[in-house]
C-alpha atoms as a PDB file:
ATOM      1  CA  UNK A   1      91.707  93.165  82.000  1.00  0.00           C
ATOM      2  CA  UNK A   2      89.996  92.959  85.222  1.00  0.00           C
ATOM      3  CA  UNK A   3      90.129  96.988  84.742  1.00  0.00           C
ATOM      4  CA  UNK A   4      89.212  97.189  81.314  1.00  0.00           C
ATOM      5  CA  UNK A   5      86.389  95.560  82.894  1.00  0.00           C
ATOM      6  CA  UNK A   6      86.067  97.887  85.405  1.00  0.00           C
ATOM      7  CA  UNK A   7      85.949 101.053  83.138  1.00  0.00           C
ATOM      8  CA  UNK A   8      83.377  99.654  80.412  1.00  0.00           C
ATOM      9  CA  UNK A   9      80.477  98.506  83.125  1.00  0.00           C
ATOM     10  CA  UNK A  10      81.164 102.236  84.422  1.00  0.00           C
ATOM     11  CA  UNK A  11      80.869 103.250  80.998  1.00  0.00           C
ATOM     12  CA  UNK A  12      78.044 101.217  80.517  1.00  0.00           C
ATOM     13  CA  UNK A  13      76.177 102.244  83.609  1.00  0.00           C
ATOM     14  CA  UNK A  14      77.116 106.098  83.295  1.00  0.00           C
ATOM     15  CA  UNK A  15      75.755 105.868  79.617  1.00  0.00           C
ATOM     16  CA  UNK A  16      72.496 103.877  81.109  1.00  0.00           C
ATOM     17  CA  UNK A  17      71.985 106.931  84.092  1.00  0.00           C
ATOM     18  CA  UNK A  18      73.006 109.978  81.023  1.00  0.00           C
ATOM     19  CA  UNK A  19      69.889 108.267  79.017  1.00  0.00           C
ATOM     20  CA  UNK A  20      67.344 108.019  81.881  1.00  0.00           C
ATOM     21  CA  UNK A  21      67.731 111.990  82.403  1.00  0.00           C
ATOM     22  CA  UNK A  22      67.325 112.417  79.340  1.00  0.00           C
ATOM     23  CA  UNK A  23      63.608 110.937  78.894  1.00  0.00           C
ATOM     24  CA  UNK A  24      62.499 111.594  82.263  1.00  0.00           C
ATOM     25  CA  UNK A  25      64.750 115.126  83.338  1.00  0.00           C
ATOM     26  CA  UNK A  26      64.671 113.707  86.496  1.00  0.00           C
ATOM     27  CA  UNK A  27      67.553 115.545  88.849  1.00  0.00           C
ATOM     28  CA  UNK A  28      68.330 112.589  91.237  1.00  0.00           C
ATOM     29  CA  UNK A  29      69.897 110.689  88.183  1.00  0.00           C
ATOM     30  CA  UNK A  30      72.571 113.604  88.050  1.00  0.00           C
ATOM     31  CA  UNK A  31      73.316 113.641  91.252  1.00  0.00           C
ATOM     32  CA  UNK A  32      73.451 109.251  91.519  1.00  0.00           C
ATOM     33  CA  UNK A  33      75.908 110.088  88.222  1.00  0.00           C
ATOM     34  CA  UNK A  34      77.953 112.911  90.260  1.00  0.00           C
ATOM     35  CA  UNK A  35      78.115 110.101  93.089  1.00  0.00           C
ATOM     36  CA  UNK A  36      79.714 107.608  90.630  1.00  0.00           C
ATOM     37  CA  UNK A  37      81.662 109.374  89.035  1.00  0.00           C
ATOM     38  CA  UNK A  38      82.909 111.156  92.573  1.00  0.00           C
ATOM     39  CA  UNK A  39      83.661 107.667  93.711  1.00  0.00           C
ATOM     40  CA  UNK A  40      85.472 106.207  90.519  1.00  0.00           C
ATOM     41  CA  UNK A  41      87.506 108.800  90.787  1.00  0.00           C
ATOM     42  CA  UNK A  42      88.801 108.240  94.378  1.00  0.00           C
ATOM     43  CA  UNK A  43      88.668 104.601  93.866  1.00  0.00           C
ATOM     44  CA  UNK A  44      90.905 105.710  90.900  1.00  0.00           C
ATOM     45  CA  UNK A  45      93.428 107.341  92.471  1.00  0.00           C
ATOM     46  CA  UNK A  46      93.636 105.087  96.068  1.00  0.00           C
ATOM     47  CA  UNK A  47      94.830 102.504  93.523  1.00  0.00           C
ATOM     48  CA  UNK A  48      96.853 104.250  91.411  1.00  0.00           C
ATOM     49  CA  UNK A  49      99.057 105.667  94.412  1.00  0.00           C
ATOM     50  CA  UNK A  50      98.873 102.206  95.990  1.00  0.00           C
ATOM     51  CA  UNK A  51      99.506 101.008  92.244  1.00  0.00           C
ATOM     52  CA  UNK A  52     102.574 103.167  92.320  1.00  0.00           C
ATOM     53  CA  UNK A  53     104.019 102.652  96.037  1.00  0.00           C
ATOM     54  CA  UNK A  54     104.492  98.826  95.905  1.00  0.00           C
ATOM     55  CA  UNK A  55     106.639  99.021  92.439  1.00  0.00           C
ATOM     56  CA  UNK A  56     108.819 101.667  94.047  1.00  0.00           C
ATOM     57  CA  UNK A  57     108.820  99.704  97.746  1.00  0.00           C
ATOM     58  CA  UNK A  58     109.234  96.162  96.031  1.00  0.00           C
ATOM     59  CA  UNK A  59     106.705  94.187  98.468  1.00  0.00           C
END
């Protein structure tokens, strides 16, 4: 459930920043979007690997 909430908040954030970029044409929004996407992918991979390790190790 919390996973879906995080994804919805991430999507809302990215859509909002994209709209800001379209309206203002300011390149800093592209940098912020790229940073958010990179950190989201890193956290997703990290938590995915941790989940799989916990399922395999049965801790």
